[in-house]
Amino acid sequence: MRSHFGVFDIVGPIIIGPSSSHTAGACRLANAARAVYNKPIQKAVIHVYGSFAATLWGHGTNKALVGGLVGILPDDERLTHALDIAKEKGLDYQFAVEQEEGVNANLAMFELTGAAGNEMSISGVSIGGGSIVITRINQTNLEISLKYNTLIVDHLDRPGAVLSVAKILADEQINIASMNMYRQGKHGRAYMIIETDQIIQADTVQRIRSLEDMHVIYIPQLY
């Protein structure tokens, strides 16, 4: 797993405490899951493992995880009232404290459901200093940091798929910082994760969505 830290990661983010990993990281992780889901969330089952399971109430990890799902950021004073705000917004949530051993110390899995019944499972970890990594979407293992502007392209694994997306970005003078491919199997569903230096405009995202069998989520730099 990649781990690139700058001076501001070492100093630590501005947060509502008490913990950068168990509070700020948890909140940011939930915000990332919300962004990946990319639809209003009606119901959430939040599975917590390792240290998250141990600190769920003591470090306010429960408030951080729920707060992130309703769009509250780690430095927002409303985070201390996240459970009440979630209730006001109609979010139906529950926690599942898991005892599984040998997993990452700060792991959460979000099972999210929208009003139309759309379901998605998103897992991720808090890796310290408020930084996070999304590690799984549904049945596909991957890595998404959201420290860059990020395109998540769910597509059929076929020749030319990567080139067609890269060409559109090149046409728009958008520089690719990194590109990674993740797939379950040959010629099956795959995820193209593209991090870019520039903000991607809505019309460019729409051009990519117009390609054959491309399901695209664009997430501006999260932190």
C-alpha atoms as a PDB file:
ATOM      1  CA  MET A   1       0.000   0.000   0.000  1.00  0.00           C
ATOM      2  CA  ARG A   2       1.315   3.411  -0.906  1.00  0.00           C
ATOM      3  CA  SER A   3       2.144   5.824   1.908  1.00  0.00           C
ATOM      4  CA  HIS A   4       3.351   9.266   0.798  1.00  0.00           C
ATOM      5  CA  PHE A   5       3.570  11.810   3.595  1.00  0.00           C
ATOM      6  CA  GLY A   6       4.407  15.514   3.389  1.00  0.00           C
ATOM      7  CA  VAL A   7       5.301  17.941   6.157  1.00  0.00           C
ATOM      8  CA  PHE A   8       1.649  18.838   6.758  1.00  0.00           C
ATOM      9  CA  ASP A   9       0.762  15.163   7.175  1.00  0.00           C
ATOM     10  CA  ILE A  10       3.448  14.866   9.844  1.00  0.00           C
ATOM     11  CA  VAL A  11       2.334  18.022  11.677  1.00  0.00           C
ATOM     12  CA  GLY A  12      -1.252  16.793  11.472  1.00  0.00           C
ATOM     13  CA  PRO A  13      -4.524  18.207  10.158  1.00  0.00           C
ATOM     14  CA  ILE A  14      -6.741  20.793  11.828  1.00  0.00           C
ATOM     15  CA  ILE A  15      -9.424  18.618  13.401  1.00  0.00           C
ATOM     16  CA  ILE A  16     -12.130  18.241  15.971  1.00  0.00           C
ATOM     17  CA  GLY A  17     -10.340  15.744  18.258  1.00  0.00           C
ATOM     18  CA  PRO A  18      -9.369  13.794  20.086  1.00  0.00           C
ATOM     19  CA  SER A  19      -7.542  11.606  17.531  1.00  0.00           C
ATOM     20  CA  SER A  20      -6.221  12.195  14.035  1.00  0.00           C
ATOM     21  CA  SER A  21      -6.588   8.497  13.197  1.00  0.00           C
ATOM     22  CA  HIS A  22      -9.747   7.573  15.090  1.00  0.00           C
ATOM     23  CA  THR A  23     -11.645  10.848  14.667  1.00  0.00           C
ATOM     24  CA  ALA A  24     -10.324  12.888  11.723  1.00  0.00           C
ATOM     25  CA  GLY A  25      -9.343   9.817   9.714  1.00  0.00           C
ATOM     26  CA  ALA A  26     -12.654   8.124  10.438  1.00  0.00           C
ATOM     27  CA  CYS A  27     -14.592  11.221   9.386  1.00  0.00           C
ATOM     28  CA  ARG A  28     -12.546  11.608   6.206  1.00  0.00           C
ATOM     29  CA  LEU A  29     -12.961   7.919   5.407  1.00  0.00           C
ATOM     30  CA  ALA A  30     -16.736   8.196   5.695  1.00  0.00           C
ATOM     31  CA  ASN A  31     -16.687  11.308   3.500  1.00  0.00           C
ATOM     32  CA  ALA A  32     -14.710   9.322   0.934  1.00  0.00           C
ATOM     33  CA  ALA A  33     -17.241   6.470   1.038  1.00  0.00           C
ATOM     34  CA  ARG A  34     -20.024   9.019   0.581  1.00  0.00           C
ATOM     35  CA  ALA A  35     -18.226  10.484  -2.445  1.00  0.00           C
ATOM     36  CA  VAL A  36     -17.640   7.060  -4.004  1.00  0.00           C
ATOM     37  CA  TYR A  37     -21.286   6.075  -3.501  1.00  0.00           C
ATOM     38  CA  ASN A  38     -22.190   9.355  -5.218  1.00  0.00           C
ATOM     39  CA  LYS A  39     -25.896   9.249  -4.367  1.00  0.00           C
ATOM     40  CA  PRO A  40     -27.996  10.290  -1.355  1.00  0.00           C
ATOM     41  CA  ILE A  41     -27.562   7.685   1.386  1.00  0.00           C
ATOM     42  CA  GLN A  42     -30.693   6.440   3.106  1.00  0.00           C
ATOM     43  CA  LYS A  43     -29.281   3.531   5.101  1.00  0.00           C
ATOM     44  CA  ALA A  44     -25.789   2.637   6.293  1.00  0.00           C
ATOM     45  CA  VAL A  45     -24.431  -0.403   8.097  1.00  0.00           C
ATOM     46  CA  ILE A  46     -20.941   0.483   9.337  1.00  0.00           C
ATOM     47  CA  HIS A  47     -18.687  -2.447  10.172  1.00  0.00           C
ATOM     48  CA  VAL A  48     -15.699  -1.494  12.343  1.00  0.00           C
ATOM     49  CA  TYR A  49     -12.583  -3.581  12.963  1.00  0.00           C
ATOM     50  CA  GLY A  50      -9.428  -3.426  15.059  1.00  0.00           C
ATOM     51  CA  SER A  51      -8.771  -0.091  16.769  1.00  0.00           C
ATOM     52  CA  PHE A  52     -11.935   1.408  15.296  1.00  0.00           C
ATOM     53  CA  ALA A  53     -13.926  -1.256  17.129  1.00  0.00           C
ATOM     54  CA  ALA A  54     -12.073  -0.471  20.365  1.00  0.00           C
ATOM     55  CA  THR A  55     -12.435   3.320  20.090  1.00  0.00           C
ATOM     56  CA  LEU A  56     -15.902   3.465  18.564  1.00  0.00           C
ATOM     57  CA  TRP A  57     -17.332   5.416  21.508  1.00  0.00           C
ATOM     58  CA  GLY A  58     -14.272   6.430  23.529  1.00  0.00           C
ATOM     59  CA  HIS A  59     -12.656   8.561  20.787  1.00  0.00           C
ATOM     60  CA  GLY A  60     -15.897   9.656  19.169  1.00  0.00           C
ATOM     61  CA  THR A  61     -15.233   7.375  16.192  1.00  0.00           C
ATOM     62  CA  ASN A  62     -18.970   6.694  15.972  1.00  0.00           C
ATOM     63  CA  LYS A  63     -19.723  10.416  15.560  1.00  0.00           C
ATOM     64  CA  ALA A  64     -16.885  10.792  13.065  1.00  0.00           C
ATOM     65  CA  LEU A  65     -18.071   7.929  10.862  1.00  0.00           C
ATOM     66  CA  VAL A  66     -21.703   9.030  10.874  1.00  0.00           C
ATOM     67  CA  GLY A  67     -20.734  12.681  10.453  1.00  0.00           C
ATOM     68  CA  GLY A  68     -18.676  11.930   7.373  1.00  0.00           C
ATOM     69  CA  LEU A  69     -21.597  10.101   5.790  1.00  0.00           C
ATOM     70  CA  VAL A  70     -23.742  13.245   6.052  1.00  0.00           C
ATOM     71  CA  GLY A  71     -20.966  15.489   4.708  1.00  0.00           C
ATOM     72  CA  ILE A  72     -19.464  16.930   7.889  1.00  0.00           C
ATOM     73  CA  LEU A  73     -15.717  17.559   7.589  1.00  0.00           C
ATOM     74  CA  PRO A  74     -13.062  16.762  10.248  1.00  0.00           C
ATOM     75  CA  ASP A  75     -12.586  20.432  11.220  1.00  0.00           C
ATOM     76  CA  ASP A  76     -16.310  21.212  11.505  1.00  0.00           C
ATOM     77  CA  GLU A  77     -17.504  21.868  15.082  1.00  0.00           C
ATOM     78  CA  ARG A  78     -20.803  20.200  14.180  1.00  0.00           C
ATOM     79  CA  LEU A  79     -18.976  16.861  14.285  1.00  0.00           C
ATOM     80  CA  THR A  80     -19.679  16.592  18.023  1.00  0.00           C
ATOM     81  CA  HIS A  81     -23.415  16.657  17.192  1.00  0.00           C
ATOM     82  CA  ALA A  82     -23.166  14.347  14.182  1.00  0.00           C
ATOM     83  CA  LEU A  83     -25.564  11.704  15.496  1.00  0.00           C
ATOM     84  CA  ASP A  84     -28.318  14.273  16.014  1.00  0.00           C
ATOM     85  CA  ILE A  85     -27.664  15.826  12.603  1.00  0.00           C
ATOM     86  CA  ALA A  86     -27.826  12.413  10.933  1.00  0.00           C
ATOM     87  CA  LYS A  87     -31.181  11.779  12.602  1.00  0.00           C
ATOM     88  CA  GLU A  88     -32.470  15.144  11.347  1.00  0.00           C
ATOM     89  CA  LYS A  89     -31.326  14.257   7.826  1.00  0.00           C
ATOM     90  CA  GLY A  90     -33.110  10.898   7.975  1.00  0.00           C
ATOM     91  CA  LEU A  91     -30.022   8.687   7.805  1.00  0.00           C
ATOM     92  CA  ASP A  92     -30.785   5.208   9.129  1.00  0.00           C
ATOM     93  CA  TYR A  93     -27.482   3.884  10.450  1.00  0.00           C
ATOM     94  CA  GLN A  94     -26.213   1.069  12.636  1.00  0.00           C
ATOM     95  CA  PHE A  95     -22.806  -0.178  13.735  1.00  0.00           C
ATOM     96  CA  ALA A  96     -21.489  -3.723  13.581  1.00  0.00           C
ATOM     97  CA  VAL A  97     -18.464  -4.258  15.832  1.00  0.00           C
ATOM     98  CA  GLU A  98     -16.393  -7.030  14.287  1.00  0.00           C
ATOM     99  CA  GLN A  99     -13.916  -9.217  16.166  1.00  0.00           C
ATOM    100  CA  GLU A 100     -12.026 -10.484  13.108  1.00  0.00           C
ATOM    101  CA  GLU A 101      -8.276 -10.595  13.724  1.00  0.00           C
ATOM    102  CA  GLY A 102      -5.415  -9.869  11.364  1.00  0.00           C
ATOM    103  CA  VAL A 103      -7.056  -6.907   9.635  1.00  0.00           C
ATOM    104  CA  ASN A 104      -5.829  -3.315   9.445  1.00  0.00           C
ATOM    105  CA  ALA A 105      -5.962  -1.556  12.807  1.00  0.00           C
ATOM    106  CA  ASN A 106      -8.332   1.173  11.586  1.00  0.00           C
ATOM    107  CA  LEU A 107     -10.647  -0.532   9.100  1.00  0.00           C
ATOM    108  CA  ALA A 108     -14.270   0.282   8.329  1.00  0.00           C
ATOM    109  CA  MET A 109     -16.653  -1.203   5.796  1.00  0.00           C
ATOM    110  CA  PHE A 110     -19.693   0.800   4.758  1.00  0.00           C
ATOM    111  CA  GLU A 111     -22.712  -1.008   3.353  1.00  0.00           C
ATOM    112  CA  LEU A 112     -24.688   1.843   1.807  1.00  0.00           C
ATOM    113  CA  THR A 113     -28.212   1.880   0.407  1.00  0.00           C
ATOM    114  CA  GLY A 114     -30.036   4.712  -1.353  1.00  0.00           C
ATOM    115  CA  ALA A 115     -33.723   5.538  -1.724  1.00  0.00           C
ATOM    116  CA  ALA A 116     -33.913   3.579  -4.987  1.00  0.00           C
ATOM    117  CA  GLY A 117     -32.385   0.511  -3.326  1.00  0.00           C
ATOM    118  CA  ASN A 118     -28.953   0.962  -4.917  1.00  0.00           C
ATOM    119  CA  GLU A 119     -26.436  -0.917  -2.775  1.00  0.00           C
ATOM    120  CA  MET A 120     -22.672  -0.536  -2.577  1.00  0.00           C
ATOM    121  CA  SER A 121     -20.034  -1.863  -0.197  1.00  0.00           C
ATOM    122  CA  ILE A 122     -16.995   0.371   0.364  1.00  0.00           C
ATOM    123  CA  SER A 123     -14.060  -0.448   2.648  1.00  0.00           C
ATOM    124  CA  GLY A 124     -11.175   1.729   3.717  1.00  0.00           C
ATOM    125  CA  VAL A 125      -8.556   2.393   6.351  1.00  0.00           C
ATOM    126  CA  SER A 126      -7.264   5.349   8.332  1.00  0.00           C
ATOM    127  CA  ILE A 127      -3.472   5.244   7.980  1.00  0.00           C
ATOM    128  CA  GLY A 128      -2.458   8.022  10.412  1.00  0.00           C
ATOM    129  CA  GLY A 129      -2.305  11.799  10.470  1.00  0.00           C
ATOM    130  CA  GLY A 130      -5.837  12.025   9.118  1.00  0.00           C
ATOM    131  CA  SER A 131      -4.910  10.305   5.844  1.00  0.00           C
ATOM    132  CA  ILE A 132      -7.075   7.506   4.453  1.00  0.00           C
ATOM    133  CA  VAL A 133      -7.159   4.915   1.685  1.00  0.00           C
ATOM    134  CA  ILE A 134     -10.214   3.313   0.104  1.00  0.00           C
ATOM    135  CA  THR A 135      -9.240  -0.361  -0.238  1.00  0.00           C
ATOM    136  CA  ARG A 136     -12.280  -2.079  -1.724  1.00  0.00           C
ATOM    137  CA  ILE A 137     -15.418  -1.300  -3.731  1.00  0.00           C
ATOM    138  CA  ASN A 138     -17.904  -4.165  -3.746  1.00  0.00           C
ATOM    139  CA  GLN A 139     -15.796  -7.239  -4.593  1.00  0.00           C
ATOM    140  CA  THR A 140     -12.790  -5.426  -6.094  1.00  0.00           C
ATOM    141  CA  ASN A 141      -9.650  -4.685  -4.069  1.00  0.00           C
ATOM    142  CA  LEU A 142      -8.018  -1.367  -5.007  1.00  0.00           C
ATOM    143  CA  GLU A 143      -6.336   1.754  -3.586  1.00  0.00           C
ATOM    144  CA  ILE A 144      -7.734   5.287  -3.735  1.00  0.00           C
ATOM    145  CA  SER A 145      -6.232   8.054  -1.605  1.00  0.00           C
ATOM    146  CA  LEU A 146      -8.374  11.003  -2.786  1.00  0.00           C
ATOM    147  CA  LYS A 147      -5.396  13.315  -2.251  1.00  0.00           C
ATOM    148  CA  TYR A 148      -5.768  14.211  -5.935  1.00  0.00           C
ATOM    149  CA  ASN A 149      -8.686  14.937  -8.201  1.00  0.00           C
ATOM    150  CA  THR A 150      -9.858  11.405  -8.907  1.00  0.00           C
ATOM    151  CA  LEU A 151     -11.782   9.630 -11.642  1.00  0.00           C
ATOM    152  CA  ILE A 152     -13.219   6.229 -10.786  1.00  0.00           C
ATOM    153  CA  VAL A 153     -14.193   4.481 -14.014  1.00  0.00           C
ATOM    154  CA  ASP A 154     -16.145   1.240 -13.689  1.00  0.00           C
ATOM    155  CA  HIS A 155     -15.917  -0.412 -17.118  1.00  0.00           C
ATOM    156  CA  LEU A 156     -15.637  -3.652 -19.050  1.00  0.00           C
ATOM    157  CA  ASP A 157     -12.054  -4.908 -19.288  1.00  0.00           C
ATOM    158  CA  ARG A 158     -11.487  -4.684 -23.042  1.00  0.00           C
ATOM    159  CA  PRO A 159      -8.803  -3.459 -25.479  1.00  0.00           C
ATOM    160  CA  GLY A 160      -8.809   0.307 -25.968  1.00  0.00           C
ATOM    161  CA  ALA A 161     -10.751   1.202 -22.820  1.00  0.00           C
ATOM    162  CA  VAL A 162      -7.816   2.912 -21.111  1.00  0.00           C
ATOM    163  CA  LEU A 163      -6.686   4.667 -24.296  1.00  0.00           C
ATOM    164  CA  SER A 164     -10.135   6.126 -24.970  1.00  0.00           C
ATOM    165  CA  VAL A 165     -10.268   7.745 -21.513  1.00  0.00           C
ATOM    166  CA  ALA A 166      -6.644   8.929 -21.610  1.00  0.00           C
ATOM    167  CA  LYS A 167      -7.216  10.548 -25.027  1.00  0.00           C
ATOM    168  CA  ILE A 168     -10.126  12.633 -23.730  1.00  0.00           C
ATOM    169  CA  LEU A 169      -8.022  13.852 -20.801  1.00  0.00           C
ATOM    170  CA  ALA A 170      -5.119  14.657 -23.146  1.00  0.00           C
ATOM    171  CA  ASP A 171      -7.474  16.601 -25.449  1.00  0.00           C
ATOM    172  CA  GLU A 172      -8.444  18.746 -22.460  1.00  0.00           C
ATOM    173  CA  GLN A 173      -4.795  19.258 -21.404  1.00  0.00           C
ATOM    174  CA  ILE A 174      -5.366  17.413 -18.130  1.00  0.00           C
ATOM    175  CA  ASN A 175      -2.198  15.889 -16.684  1.00  0.00           C
ATOM    176  CA  ILE A 176      -2.505  12.385 -15.218  1.00  0.00           C
ATOM    177  CA  ALA A 177      -0.625  12.095 -11.923  1.00  0.00           C
ATOM    178  CA  SER A 178      -1.240   8.349 -11.672  1.00  0.00           C
ATOM    179  CA  MET A 179      -3.360   5.648 -13.268  1.00  0.00           C
ATOM    180  CA  ASN A 180      -4.047   2.199 -11.853  1.00  0.00           C
ATOM    181  CA  MET A 181      -6.177  -0.684 -13.094  1.00  0.00           C
ATOM    182  CA  TYR A 182      -7.976  -3.185 -10.890  1.00  0.00           C
ATOM    183  CA  ARG A 183     -10.074  -6.077 -12.135  1.00  0.00           C
ATOM    184  CA  GLN A 184     -11.740  -9.199 -10.817  1.00  0.00           C
ATOM    185  CA  GLY A 185     -10.854 -11.257 -13.866  1.00  0.00           C
ATOM    186  CA  LYS A 186      -9.972 -11.125 -17.540  1.00  0.00           C
ATOM    187  CA  HIS A 187     -12.650  -9.404 -19.661  1.00  0.00           C
ATOM    188  CA  GLY A 188     -14.804  -8.821 -16.570  1.00  0.00           C
ATOM    189  CA  ARG A 189     -15.667  -5.627 -14.721  1.00  0.00           C
ATOM    190  CA  ALA A 190     -12.703  -3.444 -13.890  1.00  0.00           C
ATOM    191  CA  TYR A 191     -11.922  -0.154 -12.171  1.00  0.00           C
ATOM    192  CA  MET A 192      -9.714   2.479 -13.731  1.00  0.00           C
ATOM    193  CA  ILE A 193      -8.476   4.874 -11.010  1.00  0.00           C
ATOM    194  CA  ILE A 194      -7.052   8.071 -12.478  1.00  0.00           C
ATOM    195  CA  GLU A 195      -5.574  10.850 -10.335  1.00  0.00           C
ATOM    196  CA  THR A 196      -5.081  14.217 -12.022  1.00  0.00           C
ATOM    197  CA  ASP A 197      -3.301  17.456 -11.202  1.00  0.00           C
ATOM    198  CA  GLN A 198      -6.079  19.636 -12.594  1.00  0.00           C
ATOM    199  CA  ILE A 199      -9.764  19.883 -11.748  1.00  0.00           C
ATOM    200  CA  ILE A 200     -11.828  18.011 -14.335  1.00  0.00           C
ATOM    201  CA  GLN A 201     -14.759  19.998 -15.670  1.00  0.00           C
ATOM    202  CA  ALA A 202     -18.268  18.545 -15.864  1.00  0.00           C
ATOM    203  CA  ASP A 203     -18.338  18.490 -19.672  1.00  0.00           C
ATOM    204  CA  THR A 204     -15.123  16.429 -19.734  1.00  0.00           C
ATOM    205  CA  VAL A 205     -16.580  13.943 -17.244  1.00  0.00           C
ATOM    206  CA  GLN A 206     -19.672  13.726 -19.449  1.00  0.00           C
ATOM    207  CA  ARG A 207     -17.523  12.957 -22.518  1.00  0.00           C
ATOM    208  CA  ILE A 208     -16.024   9.998 -20.661  1.00  0.00           C
ATOM    209  CA  ARG A 209     -19.464   8.850 -19.517  1.00  0.00           C
ATOM    210  CA  SER A 210     -20.600   8.847 -23.140  1.00  0.00           C
ATOM    211  CA  LEU A 211     -18.060   6.142 -23.980  1.00  0.00           C
ATOM    212  CA  GLU A 212     -19.399   2.600 -24.302  1.00  0.00           C
ATOM    213  CA  ASP A 213     -20.122   0.913 -20.966  1.00  0.00           C
ATOM    214  CA  MET A 214     -18.308   3.519 -18.832  1.00  0.00           C
ATOM    215  CA  HIS A 215     -19.692   4.322 -15.382  1.00  0.00           C
ATOM    216  CA  VAL A 216     -17.791   7.338 -14.071  1.00  0.00           C
ATOM    217  CA  ILE A 217     -17.526   9.007 -10.667  1.00  0.00           C
ATOM    218  CA  TYR A 218     -15.461  12.182 -10.366  1.00  0.00           C
ATOM    219  CA  ILE A 219     -14.288  13.244  -6.897  1.00  0.00           C
ATOM    220  CA  PRO A 220     -12.424  16.568  -6.476  1.00  0.00           C
ATOM    221  CA  GLN A 221      -9.388  16.451  -4.184  1.00  0.00           C
ATOM    222  CA  LEU A 222     -10.727  15.514  -0.754  1.00  0.00           C
ATOM    223  CA  TYR A 223      -7.886  16.853   1.399  1.00  0.00           C
END
